[in-house]
N, C-alpha and C. Protein backbone atom coordinates (compact mmCIF):
# COMPACT_ATOMS: atom_id res chain seq x y z
N MET A 1 31.61 168.80 145.80
CA MET A 1 32.39 169.09 145.07
C MET A 1 33.66 168.26 145.59
N LYS A 2 33.81 167.94 146.58
CA LYS A 2 35.21 167.74 147.26
C LYS A 2 34.87 166.22 146.68
N ARG A 3 33.76 165.30 146.67
CA ARG A 3 33.63 163.86 146.85
C ARG A 3 33.06 164.29 145.30
N GLN A 4 33.07 164.74 144.30
CA GLN A 4 33.16 164.72 143.05
C GLN A 4 35.10 164.70 142.73
N LEU A 5 35.90 165.94 143.08
CA LEU A 5 37.26 165.82 143.13
C LEU A 5 37.94 164.24 143.43
N ILE A 6 37.64 163.80 144.58
CA ILE A 6 38.48 162.52 145.22
C ILE A 6 37.61 161.41 144.00
N TYR A 7 36.59 161.37 143.98
CA TYR A 7 36.22 160.39 142.70
C TYR A 7 37.20 160.59 141.21
N SER A 8 37.33 161.76 141.14
CA SER A 8 38.08 161.78 139.46
C SER A 8 39.72 161.37 139.67
N VAL A 9 40.23 161.73 141.09
CA VAL A 9 41.36 161.69 141.26
C VAL A 9 41.37 159.67 141.38
N SER A 10 40.54 159.59 142.10
CA SER A 10 40.96 158.18 142.37
C SER A 10 40.35 157.32 141.10
N LEU A 11 39.34 157.72 139.79
CA LEU A 11 39.63 157.16 138.63
C LEU A 11 40.96 157.48 137.69
N MET A 12 41.68 158.51 137.70
CA MET A 12 42.34 158.64 137.25
C MET A 12 43.86 157.68 137.68
N ILE A 13 43.50 157.41 138.93
CA ILE A 13 44.98 156.57 139.90
C ILE A 13 44.35 155.07 139.20
N LEU A 14 43.56 154.81 139.10
CA LEU A 14 42.79 153.94 138.51
C LEU A 14 43.02 153.24 136.97
N GLY A 15 42.96 154.46 136.57
CA GLY A 15 42.87 154.29 135.00
C GLY A 15 44.84 154.38 134.71
N GLY A 16 45.18 154.69 136.17
CA GLY A 16 46.82 155.16 135.53
C GLY A 16 47.69 153.54 135.76
N LEU A 17 46.90 152.82 136.51
CA LEU A 17 47.24 151.95 137.06
C LEU A 17 46.74 150.58 135.47
N VAL A 18 46.14 150.92 135.65
CA VAL A 18 45.28 149.91 134.50
C VAL A 18 46.19 150.13 133.09
N LEU A 19 46.19 150.81 132.64
CA LEU A 19 46.63 151.64 131.30
C LEU A 19 48.38 151.02 131.73
N GLY A 20 48.93 151.14 132.54
CA GLY A 20 50.01 150.97 132.86
C GLY A 20 50.48 149.47 133.18
N SER A 21 49.78 148.74 133.13
CA SER A 21 49.55 147.14 133.74
C SER A 21 48.96 146.39 132.64
N ALA A 22 48.47 147.75 131.66
CA ALA A 22 48.13 147.06 130.23
C ALA A 22 49.18 146.96 129.41
N ALA A 23 49.86 148.03 129.53
CA ALA A 23 51.00 148.77 128.64
C ALA A 23 52.12 147.40 128.65
N GLY A 24 52.50 147.23 130.46
CA GLY A 24 53.53 146.58 130.82
C GLY A 24 52.93 144.80 130.10
N ALA A 25 52.12 144.88 129.99
CA ALA A 25 51.63 142.92 129.39
C ALA A 25 51.81 143.02 128.23
N LEU A 26 51.38 144.21 127.42
CA LEU A 26 51.56 144.25 126.14
C LEU A 26 53.37 144.54 125.66
N ALA A 27 54.42 144.54 126.28
CA ALA A 27 55.44 145.18 125.88
C ALA A 27 56.18 143.77 125.21
N ALA A 28 56.90 143.94 124.22
CA ALA A 28 56.78 142.72 123.37
C ALA A 28 58.31 142.04 124.15
N PRO A 29 58.51 140.80 123.72
CA PRO A 29 59.23 139.79 124.39
C PRO A 29 60.56 140.70 123.77
N GLU A 30 62.05 140.94 124.12
CA GLU A 30 63.30 140.68 123.86
C GLU A 30 64.02 139.77 123.27
N LEU A 31 64.76 139.95 122.30
CA LEU A 31 66.20 138.96 121.87
C LEU A 31 67.25 139.43 122.93
N VAL A 32 67.59 138.39 123.39
CA VAL A 32 68.90 138.51 124.69
C VAL A 32 70.10 137.77 124.10
N GLY A 33 69.91 137.06 122.96
CA GLY A 33 71.33 136.88 122.10
C GLY A 33 71.63 135.07 122.81
N ALA A 34 71.97 134.42 121.77
CA ALA A 34 72.39 132.98 122.25
C ALA A 34 73.16 132.66 123.14
N ALA A 35 74.15 133.63 123.48
CA ALA A 35 74.90 133.10 124.32
C ALA A 35 74.40 133.55 125.67
N LYS A 36 73.50 133.94 125.95
CA LYS A 36 72.51 133.76 127.37
C LYS A 36 72.13 132.37 127.38
N CYS A 37 71.49 131.54 126.38
CA CYS A 37 71.31 130.53 126.37
C CYS A 37 72.21 129.24 127.19
N ALA A 38 73.72 129.80 126.40
CA ALA A 38 74.54 129.25 126.81
C ALA A 38 74.97 128.34 128.32
N PRO A 39 75.16 129.06 129.50
CA PRO A 39 75.55 128.48 130.62
C PRO A 39 74.57 127.62 131.39
N CYS A 40 72.98 127.05 130.65
CA CYS A 40 72.51 126.00 131.15
C CYS A 40 72.14 124.68 130.00
N HIS A 41 72.50 125.27 128.96
CA HIS A 41 72.46 124.21 127.73
C HIS A 41 73.57 123.65 127.43
N LYS A 42 74.35 123.38 128.51
CA LYS A 42 75.46 122.49 128.41
C LYS A 42 75.35 120.83 128.26
N ALA A 43 75.97 119.95 128.04
CA ALA A 43 76.33 118.55 128.16
C ALA A 43 75.61 118.41 129.17
N LYS A 44 75.03 118.49 130.36
CA LYS A 44 74.36 117.83 131.57
C LYS A 44 72.68 117.97 131.00
N THR A 45 72.74 118.98 130.30
CA THR A 45 70.91 119.16 129.84
C THR A 45 70.64 119.01 128.27
N GLY A 46 71.54 118.32 127.71
CA GLY A 46 71.65 118.10 126.45
C GLY A 46 72.64 118.34 124.88
N ASP A 47 73.69 119.27 125.64
CA ASP A 47 74.60 120.04 124.93
C ASP A 47 74.10 120.85 123.76
N GLN A 48 72.50 121.21 123.92
CA GLN A 48 71.89 122.18 122.65
C GLN A 48 72.94 122.74 122.58
N TRP A 49 74.10 123.25 123.38
CA TRP A 49 74.81 124.90 123.00
C TRP A 49 75.67 124.23 122.24
N GLN A 50 76.36 123.53 122.24
CA GLN A 50 77.44 122.99 121.83
C GLN A 50 76.91 122.18 120.05
N ILE A 51 75.70 121.74 120.25
CA ILE A 51 74.87 121.30 118.76
C ILE A 51 74.85 122.16 117.81
N TRP A 52 74.15 123.61 118.49
CA TRP A 52 73.97 124.73 117.87
C TRP A 52 75.61 125.66 117.40
N SER A 53 76.79 125.92 118.00
CA SER A 53 77.71 126.35 117.53
C SER A 53 78.52 125.35 116.53
N ASP A 54 78.05 124.42 116.91
CA ASP A 54 78.82 123.98 115.79
C ASP A 54 78.29 123.42 114.74
N SER A 55 77.27 124.20 114.68
CA SER A 55 75.73 123.96 113.24
C SER A 55 76.01 125.03 112.16
N ARG A 56 75.77 124.99 111.09
CA ARG A 56 75.84 125.58 109.61
C ARG A 56 75.21 127.22 110.17
N HIS A 57 74.17 127.12 111.16
CA HIS A 57 73.06 127.95 111.77
C HIS A 57 74.13 129.47 112.66
N ALA A 58 75.01 128.80 113.21
CA ALA A 58 75.73 129.51 113.89
C ALA A 58 76.84 130.08 113.05
N GLN A 59 77.08 129.77 111.62
CA GLN A 59 77.78 130.04 110.42
C GLN A 59 77.32 130.80 110.23
N ALA A 60 75.81 130.91 109.72
CA ALA A 60 75.39 131.75 109.10
C ALA A 60 75.47 133.24 108.52
N PHE A 61 75.66 134.22 109.28
CA PHE A 61 75.72 135.65 109.18
C PHE A 61 77.38 135.63 108.55
N ALA A 62 78.48 134.46 108.92
CA ALA A 62 79.55 134.58 108.41
C ALA A 62 79.49 134.09 106.76
N THR A 63 78.83 133.13 106.66
CA THR A 63 78.68 132.82 105.52
C THR A 63 78.45 133.72 104.20
N LEU A 64 77.90 135.02 104.99
CA LEU A 64 77.50 135.80 103.89
C LEU A 64 78.98 136.63 103.85
N GLY A 65 79.58 136.90 104.37
CA GLY A 65 80.94 137.17 104.37
C GLY A 65 82.03 135.80 103.01
N SER A 66 81.44 135.42 102.44
CA SER A 66 82.39 134.41 102.23
C SER A 66 82.50 135.04 100.91
N ASP A 67 83.51 134.42 99.76
CA ASP A 67 83.47 134.97 98.58
C ASP A 67 82.28 134.58 97.54
N GLN A 68 81.58 133.29 97.94
CA GLN A 68 80.75 132.78 96.89
C GLN A 68 79.69 133.81 97.39
N ALA A 69 79.18 134.17 98.50
CA ALA A 69 77.55 135.07 99.15
C ALA A 69 78.34 136.04 97.96
N LYS A 70 79.38 136.88 97.97
CA LYS A 70 79.46 138.04 97.48
C LYS A 70 79.42 137.86 96.22
N ALA A 71 79.39 137.27 95.20
CA ALA A 71 79.66 136.26 93.91
C ALA A 71 78.42 136.61 93.79
N ILE A 72 77.18 135.92 94.81
CA ILE A 72 75.34 135.31 94.54
C ILE A 72 75.11 137.56 94.43
N ALA A 73 75.44 138.01 95.43
CA ALA A 73 74.71 139.10 96.00
C ALA A 73 75.28 140.13 94.80
N LEU A 74 76.66 140.27 94.03
CA LEU A 74 76.63 140.78 93.20
C LEU A 74 75.72 140.58 91.63
N GLU A 75 75.81 139.73 91.82
CA GLU A 75 75.08 139.01 90.56
C GLU A 75 73.69 139.42 90.36
N GLN A 76 72.85 139.44 91.98
CA GLN A 76 72.04 139.91 92.07
C GLN A 76 71.51 141.32 92.11
N GLY A 77 72.62 141.93 92.39
CA GLY A 77 72.54 143.60 92.36
C GLY A 77 72.23 143.80 93.74
N LEU A 78 72.57 142.78 94.65
CA LEU A 78 72.42 143.21 96.11
C LEU A 78 72.94 144.13 97.31
N GLY A 79 74.93 143.99 96.61
CA GLY A 79 75.70 145.02 97.36
C GLY A 79 76.34 144.17 98.31
N ASP A 80 76.44 144.41 99.44
CA ASP A 80 77.05 143.50 100.67
C ASP A 80 75.83 142.41 101.03
N PRO A 81 76.50 141.42 100.88
CA PRO A 81 75.07 140.04 101.55
C PRO A 81 75.21 140.56 103.21
N GLN A 82 76.31 141.11 103.56
CA GLN A 82 76.25 141.03 105.23
C GLN A 82 75.28 142.30 105.68
N GLN A 83 74.62 143.01 104.76
CA GLN A 83 73.63 144.36 104.90
C GLN A 83 72.70 144.34 104.36
N ALA A 84 72.52 143.25 103.29
CA ALA A 84 71.54 142.90 101.93
C ALA A 84 69.99 142.40 103.60
N ALA A 85 69.18 143.15 103.16
CA ALA A 85 68.19 142.77 104.15
C ALA A 85 67.57 141.78 103.60
N VAL A 86 67.68 141.38 102.36
CA VAL A 86 66.75 140.20 101.93
C VAL A 86 67.91 139.00 101.80
N CYS A 87 69.05 138.98 102.57
CA CYS A 87 69.84 137.77 102.81
C CYS A 87 70.21 137.85 104.08
N LEU A 88 69.93 138.82 104.83
CA LEU A 88 70.27 138.49 106.66
C LEU A 88 68.43 138.17 106.70
N LYS A 89 67.35 137.84 106.21
CA LYS A 89 66.08 137.66 106.97
C LYS A 89 66.21 136.12 106.93
N CYS A 90 67.36 135.69 106.23
CA CYS A 90 67.35 134.11 106.69
C CYS A 90 68.64 133.82 107.41
N HIS A 91 69.74 135.12 107.81
CA HIS A 91 71.02 134.46 107.96
C HIS A 91 70.72 135.26 109.27
N THR A 92 70.02 136.07 110.25
CA THR A 92 70.14 136.67 111.59
C THR A 92 68.82 136.73 111.90
N THR A 93 68.90 136.31 112.82
CA THR A 93 67.99 136.37 114.06
C THR A 93 67.23 137.05 113.83
N GLN A 94 67.37 138.57 114.16
CA GLN A 94 66.45 139.64 114.49
C GLN A 94 65.98 139.92 113.46
N ALA A 95 66.42 139.73 112.07
CA ALA A 95 66.14 140.50 110.45
C ALA A 95 65.12 138.82 110.51
N PHE A 96 65.52 137.84 110.77
CA PHE A 96 64.13 136.58 110.15
C PHE A 96 63.26 137.15 111.49
N LEU A 97 63.22 137.36 112.47
CA LEU A 97 61.90 137.80 113.43
C LEU A 97 60.98 139.01 113.30
N GLY A 98 62.22 139.88 112.04
CA GLY A 98 60.70 141.22 111.96
C GLY A 98 61.56 142.21 112.59
N SER A 99 61.45 143.40 112.52
CA SER A 99 61.99 144.79 112.79
C SER A 99 61.36 145.34 113.73
N GLU A 100 60.27 144.56 114.15
CA GLU A 100 59.10 145.21 115.33
C GLU A 100 60.13 144.06 116.39
N VAL A 101 61.09 143.36 116.56
CA VAL A 101 61.32 142.61 117.79
C VAL A 101 62.69 143.31 117.74
N VAL A 102 62.84 143.63 119.14
CA VAL A 102 63.83 144.28 120.34
C VAL A 102 65.00 144.06 121.14
N VAL A 103 65.95 144.30 120.53
CA VAL A 103 67.33 143.85 121.17
C VAL A 103 67.29 144.37 122.76
N ASN A 104 67.51 143.10 123.47
CA ASN A 104 67.50 143.64 125.14
C ASN A 104 68.83 144.53 125.30
N ALA A 105 69.03 145.13 126.20
CA ALA A 105 69.99 146.00 125.93
C ALA A 105 71.24 145.69 127.04
N LYS A 106 70.83 144.40 127.76
CA LYS A 106 71.11 143.57 129.22
C LYS A 106 71.60 142.67 128.15
N GLY A 107 70.80 142.14 127.42
CA GLY A 107 71.24 140.84 126.26
C GLY A 107 72.83 141.22 125.49
N LYS A 108 73.33 140.14 124.53
CA LYS A 108 74.68 139.74 124.12
C LYS A 108 73.74 139.83 122.87
N TYR A 109 73.42 139.77 122.18
CA TYR A 109 72.43 139.27 120.52
C TYR A 109 73.75 140.50 119.61
N ALA A 110 73.86 139.68 118.58
CA ALA A 110 74.94 140.70 117.86
C ALA A 110 74.08 139.56 116.31
N ASP A 111 73.89 140.71 115.10
CA ASP A 111 73.72 139.88 114.05
C ASP A 111 74.82 138.43 113.63
N THR A 112 76.19 138.87 114.05
CA THR A 112 77.02 138.04 113.92
C THR A 112 76.57 136.18 114.66
N GLU A 113 75.67 136.33 115.33
CA GLU A 113 75.66 134.94 115.69
C GLU A 113 74.73 134.07 114.83
N GLY A 114 74.25 134.54 113.73
CA GLY A 114 73.69 134.38 112.95
C GLY A 114 72.37 133.67 113.18
N VAL A 115 71.88 132.34 112.86
CA VAL A 115 71.18 131.84 113.42
C VAL A 115 70.54 131.19 114.28
N GLY A 116 70.52 132.32 115.25
CA GLY A 116 70.55 131.73 116.80
C GLY A 116 69.41 130.97 117.74
N CYS A 117 69.29 131.00 118.87
CA CYS A 117 68.44 129.96 119.60
C CYS A 117 67.06 130.45 119.27
N GLU A 118 67.20 132.14 119.12
CA GLU A 118 65.62 132.82 119.31
C GLU A 118 65.34 132.68 118.11
N SER A 119 65.93 132.38 116.62
CA SER A 119 65.29 132.36 115.85
C SER A 119 64.69 131.60 115.39
N CYS A 120 64.44 129.88 115.97
CA CYS A 120 63.33 129.30 116.55
C CYS A 120 62.11 129.14 117.61
N HIS A 121 63.08 129.32 118.91
CA HIS A 121 62.49 129.91 120.04
C HIS A 121 61.95 130.93 120.03
N GLY A 122 61.82 131.77 119.58
CA GLY A 122 61.56 133.00 119.87
C GLY A 122 61.78 134.13 120.78
N PRO A 123 61.68 135.14 120.87
CA PRO A 123 63.06 136.10 121.74
C PRO A 123 62.85 135.87 123.51
N GLY A 124 63.79 135.61 123.89
CA GLY A 124 63.88 134.95 125.22
C GLY A 124 64.20 135.50 126.38
N SER A 125 63.87 136.79 126.75
CA SER A 125 63.36 137.93 127.27
C SER A 125 62.58 137.41 128.44
N ASP A 126 61.63 136.48 128.06
CA ASP A 126 60.69 136.38 129.35
C ASP A 126 60.61 134.89 129.62
N TYR A 127 61.26 134.70 128.90
CA TYR A 127 61.58 133.04 129.63
C TYR A 127 63.19 132.58 129.72
N LYS A 128 64.08 133.28 129.90
CA LYS A 128 65.26 133.03 129.84
C LYS A 128 65.84 132.11 131.33
N SER A 129 64.94 132.69 132.39
CA SER A 129 65.28 132.12 133.66
C SER A 129 65.14 130.90 133.55
N LYS A 130 66.14 130.30 135.06
CA LYS A 130 66.22 129.22 134.83
C LYS A 130 64.92 128.52 135.84
N GLN A 131 64.35 129.29 136.22
CA GLN A 131 63.46 128.98 137.49
C GLN A 131 61.86 128.82 136.16
N VAL A 132 61.93 129.63 135.17
CA VAL A 132 61.27 129.19 133.92
C VAL A 132 60.93 128.21 133.48
N MET A 133 62.59 128.07 132.76
CA MET A 133 62.79 126.89 132.00
C MET A 133 62.94 125.66 132.75
N THR A 134 62.86 125.39 133.80
CA THR A 134 62.81 124.40 134.52
C THR A 134 60.97 123.52 134.34
N ASP A 135 60.32 124.36 134.28
CA ASP A 135 59.01 123.67 134.11
C ASP A 135 58.20 124.20 132.74
N PRO A 136 58.65 123.29 131.28
CA PRO A 136 58.38 123.38 130.18
C PRO A 136 56.88 123.95 129.76
N GLU A 137 55.91 123.89 130.55
CA GLU A 137 54.86 124.49 130.25
C GLU A 137 54.60 126.53 130.97
N ALA A 138 55.48 126.45 131.90
CA ALA A 138 55.66 127.64 132.39
C ALA A 138 56.75 128.53 130.85
N ALA A 139 57.50 127.96 130.98
CA ALA A 139 58.38 128.67 129.57
C ALA A 139 57.74 128.60 128.65
N VAL A 140 57.09 127.84 128.33
CA VAL A 140 56.10 127.82 127.19
C VAL A 140 54.91 129.39 126.96
N ALA A 141 54.39 129.52 128.25
CA ALA A 141 53.74 130.39 128.01
C ALA A 141 54.44 131.73 128.51
N ALA A 142 55.24 131.69 128.31
CA ALA A 142 56.19 132.91 128.60
C ALA A 142 57.25 132.98 127.50
N GLY A 143 56.45 132.26 126.00
CA GLY A 143 56.88 132.93 125.00
C GLY A 143 57.37 132.01 124.51
N LEU A 144 58.30 130.19 125.10
CA LEU A 144 59.29 129.84 124.81
C LEU A 144 58.56 129.08 123.25
N ILE A 145 59.18 129.02 121.56
CA ILE A 145 58.16 128.48 120.84
C ILE A 145 59.30 126.81 121.14
N MET A 146 58.31 126.29 120.88
CA MET A 146 58.63 124.66 120.30
C MET A 146 57.73 124.04 119.11
N ASP A 147 58.41 124.87 118.13
CA ASP A 147 57.76 124.46 116.98
C ASP A 147 58.95 123.37 115.99
N LYS A 148 58.73 122.39 115.95
CA LYS A 148 59.23 121.35 115.02
C LYS A 148 58.62 121.08 113.81
N SER A 149 58.62 122.08 112.80
CA SER A 149 57.59 121.76 111.89
C SER A 149 58.24 122.33 110.63
N VAL A 150 57.94 121.64 109.63
CA VAL A 150 58.34 121.48 108.16
C VAL A 150 58.57 122.81 107.99
N ALA A 151 57.17 123.56 107.98
CA ALA A 151 57.13 125.22 107.93
C ALA A 151 57.68 126.03 108.63
N ALA A 152 57.97 125.69 110.44
CA ALA A 152 58.88 126.55 110.73
C ALA A 152 60.73 126.78 109.89
N CYS A 153 60.79 125.54 109.20
CA CYS A 153 62.03 125.42 108.90
C CYS A 153 61.87 125.75 107.17
N THR A 154 60.94 125.66 106.11
CA THR A 154 61.00 126.19 105.15
C THR A 154 60.73 127.97 104.80
N ARG A 155 60.36 128.27 106.03
CA ARG A 155 60.35 129.95 106.08
C ARG A 155 62.13 130.53 105.14
N CYS A 156 62.68 129.69 105.47
CA CYS A 156 64.12 129.52 105.04
C CYS A 156 64.87 129.31 103.79
N HIS A 157 64.65 127.97 104.26
CA HIS A 157 65.40 126.32 103.25
C HIS A 157 63.78 126.48 102.64
N ASN A 158 64.11 127.03 101.60
CA ASN A 158 62.95 127.36 100.07
C ASN A 158 64.24 127.93 99.02
N ASP A 159 63.18 127.51 97.79
CA ASP A 159 63.42 128.09 96.45
C ASP A 159 63.89 129.52 96.00
N GLN A 160 63.21 129.83 97.39
CA GLN A 160 63.55 131.85 97.14
C GLN A 160 64.99 131.56 97.57
N SER A 161 66.04 130.84 98.00
CA SER A 161 67.60 130.67 98.28
C SER A 161 68.41 130.91 96.33
N PRO A 162 69.23 131.66 96.53
CA PRO A 162 69.42 131.19 95.52
C PRO A 162 70.82 129.88 95.51
N THR A 163 71.22 129.58 96.54
CA THR A 163 71.57 128.27 96.63
C THR A 163 70.99 127.12 97.42
N PHE A 164 69.65 127.03 97.14
CA PHE A 164 68.32 126.00 97.58
C PHE A 164 68.74 124.82 96.37
N GLN A 165 69.77 123.97 97.30
CA GLN A 165 69.22 122.29 96.52
C GLN A 165 68.24 121.58 97.12
N GLY A 166 66.68 122.03 97.51
CA GLY A 166 66.32 120.43 98.05
C GLY A 166 66.26 120.69 99.74
N PHE A 167 65.62 120.28 100.29
CA PHE A 167 65.28 120.40 101.62
C PHE A 167 65.15 119.03 102.14
N ASP A 168 65.58 117.88 102.64
CA ASP A 168 65.11 117.09 103.22
C ASP A 168 64.35 117.47 105.05
N PHE A 169 63.10 117.31 105.00
CA PHE A 169 63.20 117.84 106.49
C PHE A 169 63.92 116.88 107.82
N GLU A 170 63.65 115.87 107.54
CA GLU A 170 63.84 114.67 108.43
C GLU A 170 65.26 114.65 108.28
N GLU A 171 66.03 114.63 107.17
CA GLU A 171 67.58 114.65 107.44
C GLU A 171 68.08 115.89 108.24
N SER A 172 67.23 117.27 107.62
CA SER A 172 67.98 117.99 108.13
C SER A 172 67.78 118.81 110.07
N TRP A 173 66.83 117.88 110.05
CA TRP A 173 65.94 117.88 111.67
C TRP A 173 67.37 116.70 112.12
N ALA A 174 67.89 115.90 111.66
CA ALA A 174 68.39 114.85 112.51
C ALA A 174 69.98 115.84 112.59
N GLN A 175 70.28 116.38 111.97
CA GLN A 175 71.97 117.35 111.88
C GLN A 175 71.76 118.11 113.07
N ILE A 176 70.63 118.58 113.42
CA ILE A 176 69.75 119.83 114.72
C ILE A 176 69.60 119.55 115.64
N ALA A 177 69.19 118.25 115.76
CA ALA A 177 68.46 118.46 117.02
C ALA A 177 68.88 118.15 118.14
N HIS A 178 68.67 118.95 118.87
CA HIS A 178 69.19 119.02 120.58
C HIS A 178 67.89 118.83 121.47
N PRO A 179 67.11 117.74 121.67
CA PRO A 179 66.47 117.50 122.94
C PRO A 179 66.62 117.56 124.01
N VAL A 180 66.38 118.12 125.16
CA VAL A 180 66.55 118.25 126.00
C VAL A 180 66.57 116.52 127.07
N PRO A 181 67.60 115.95 127.77
CA PRO A 181 66.71 114.52 128.41
C PRO A 181 66.01 114.39 129.86
N VAL A 182 65.51 113.04 129.42
CA VAL A 182 64.46 112.91 129.98
C VAL A 182 64.89 112.28 131.31
N GLU A 183 64.68 112.93 132.47
CA GLU A 183 65.44 112.79 134.21
C GLU A 183 64.48 111.54 133.97
N GLU A 184 65.27 110.42 134.50
CA GLU A 184 64.26 109.83 135.40
C GLU A 184 63.99 109.08 136.82
């Protein structure tokens, strides 16, 4: 009886450890916000922060507050474009990635950042450290997405947008390109 009790307790402890590990492994990465990327992605590393800050992506949410956006939303019966899910899905990071994406409590994410770094590169909670980011393979293994494809961009830049006027991937990519310089 005592041996059976010890065996049962051991199984419960082992089961708890396995389940706890599995639950931790299944935890979804969280949004940390573009501001968390800024300290490392400055001029010395390719000035990705400034390139994004100067882009229309950084202003995507603000654009929804413009008179033109309000007129389009009114015409389509959407109400406030800064609240309409159909608009937010391409003008904010969290809506683009989906409702299952969680905002990290310690992060600085806000919809007002527009189309932030994590829209294209995935939620950053698991790859945002300098230790991970200095090893490209480790960063990708930790969730960094490096998808420079037409398909990635045309999830939003398509004829479903009421202001769509065509999309030239090569021209558009040249406007937002932000490579990391190769150290020699």
